[in-house]
Amino acid sequence: MELRREEFPVALQAFEVRGDREDFIAEQVVNSQAEADNFMSLYAGRLIKTRDLRPVETKRFEGRRPSAVAGPGRRAGISIWLIILLVLVVLAIVGFATGWIQTMIGQMK
């Protein structure tokens, strides 16, 4: 399904067709054709429908670049914190294993 540039952002919905009824599975707001293609590949073989966003929903996405919704900056910030946390955990393990933390606590008393 090809979407025109002026249609973005748009909500894609996936449905499972069972007999004469459609069961809702998932919905995602997409801001580019690449995001739309990714959604459609995740739900291949299912009925995909588009719906326009309501005015209340579009205020949230106005003025944003397509990559700004879940951009790499947020992921980079999270990964930096995870690395710092991992280093602290490793230092604590090494400190307890070598007895350094116990001797430092003993010197404080």
Protein backbone atom coordinates (compact mmCIF):
# COMPACT_ATOMS: atom_id res chain seq x y z
CA MET A 1 0.00 0.00 0.00
CA GLU A 2 1.55 3.29 -1.09
CA LEU A 3 0.58 6.42 0.79
CA ARG A 4 0.99 9.96 -0.46
CA ARG A 5 3.29 12.33 1.41
CA GLU A 6 0.41 14.70 2.24
CA GLU A 7 -1.53 11.87 3.94
CA PHE A 8 0.98 11.56 6.81
CA PRO A 9 0.58 11.18 9.71
CA VAL A 10 -2.04 8.47 9.31
CA ALA A 11 -3.21 5.63 11.54
CA LEU A 12 -2.86 2.08 10.22
CA GLN A 13 -5.03 -0.63 11.70
CA ALA A 14 -4.64 -4.40 11.38
CA PHE A 15 -7.64 -6.74 11.52
CA GLU A 16 -7.98 -10.51 11.53
CA VAL A 17 -10.82 -11.59 9.23
CA ARG A 18 -12.84 -14.48 10.69
CA GLY A 19 -15.84 -15.47 8.68
CA ASP A 20 -18.03 -12.41 8.34
CA ARG A 21 -16.40 -10.33 11.07
CA GLU A 22 -13.15 -8.41 11.52
CA ASP A 23 -11.29 -8.63 14.84
CA PHE A 24 -9.08 -5.66 15.68
CA ILE A 25 -5.42 -6.57 16.31
CA ALA A 26 -3.27 -3.43 16.31
CA GLU A 27 -3.05 0.23 15.42
CA GLN A 28 -0.05 2.48 14.81
CA VAL A 29 0.35 6.10 13.78
CA VAL A 30 2.90 6.27 10.97
CA ASN A 31 4.76 9.31 9.70
CA SER A 32 6.52 7.88 6.66
CA GLN A 33 6.21 5.20 4.02
CA ALA A 34 9.00 3.22 5.69
CA GLU A 35 7.04 3.05 8.96
CA ALA A 36 3.92 2.05 7.03
CA ASP A 37 5.83 -0.72 5.22
CA ASN A 38 7.23 -1.98 8.53
CA PHE A 39 3.73 -2.13 10.09
CA MET A 40 2.35 -3.94 7.05
CA SER A 41 5.18 -6.48 7.12
CA LEU A 42 4.54 -7.17 10.82
CA TYR A 43 0.88 -7.89 10.08
CA ALA A 44 1.26 -9.54 6.68
CA GLY A 45 -1.74 -11.61 5.67
CA ARG A 46 -4.10 -9.51 7.75
CA LEU A 47 -6.51 -6.83 6.62
CA ILE A 48 -4.83 -3.40 6.85
CA LYS A 49 -6.99 -0.27 6.94
CA THR A 50 -6.05 3.37 7.17
CA ARG A 51 -7.89 6.03 9.08
CA ASP A 52 -7.35 9.75 9.27
CA LEU A 53 -6.33 11.17 12.60
CA ARG A 54 -8.88 13.28 14.41
CA PRO A 55 -7.99 16.94 15.06
CA VAL A 56 -7.24 16.15 18.71
CA GLU A 57 -4.80 13.44 17.65
CA THR A 58 -3.04 15.54 15.01
CA LYS A 59 -2.10 18.30 17.46
CA ARG A 60 0.31 15.85 19.03
CA PHE A 61 2.14 15.28 15.75
CA GLU A 62 2.13 18.75 14.20
CA GLY A 63 5.52 20.22 13.41
CA ARG A 64 7.41 17.02 13.99
CA ARG A 65 9.71 15.40 11.54
CA PRO A 66 8.86 11.77 10.75
CA SER A 67 11.88 10.59 12.75
CA ALA A 68 11.14 12.87 15.72
CA VAL A 69 8.41 10.66 17.14
CA ALA A 70 10.78 7.86 18.19
CA GLY A 71 14.08 9.33 17.14
CA PRO A 72 17.58 8.04 17.70
CA GLY A 73 18.31 10.73 20.31
CA ARG A 74 16.03 9.13 22.85
CA ARG A 75 17.49 5.69 22.23
CA ALA A 76 21.02 7.05 22.60
CA GLY A 77 20.13 8.64 25.95
CA ILE A 78 18.68 5.40 27.25
CA SER A 79 21.68 3.36 26.11
CA ILE A 80 24.11 5.74 27.82
CA TRP A 81 22.26 5.32 31.12
CA LEU A 82 22.25 1.56 30.69
CA ILE A 83 26.01 1.54 30.12
CA ILE A 84 26.62 3.70 33.21
CA LEU A 85 24.38 1.44 35.30
CA LEU A 86 26.18 -1.66 34.01
CA VAL A 87 29.59 -0.18 34.90
CA LEU A 88 28.39 0.62 38.43
CA VAL A 89 27.06 -2.91 38.91
CA VAL A 90 30.36 -4.40 37.70
CA LEU A 91 32.32 -2.14 40.06
CA ALA A 92 30.12 -3.16 42.99
CA ILE A 93 30.60 -6.85 42.19
CA VAL A 94 34.37 -6.45 41.92
CA GLY A 95 34.44 -4.41 45.14
CA PHE A 96 32.61 -7.09 47.09
CA ALA A 97 34.58 -9.94 45.50
CA THR A 98 37.95 -8.41 46.41
CA GLY A 99 36.82 -7.29 49.89
CA TRP A 100 37.59 -3.64 49.18
CA ILE A 101 34.06 -2.47 50.11
CA GLN A 102 34.14 -4.44 53.38
CA THR A 103 37.50 -2.93 54.39
CA MET A 104 36.28 0.57 53.57
CA ILE A 105 33.16 0.07 55.69
CA GLY A 106 35.35 -1.33 58.51
CA GLN A 107 37.60 1.76 58.40
CA MET A 108 34.60 4.08 58.73
CA LYS A 109 33.52 2.56 62.05
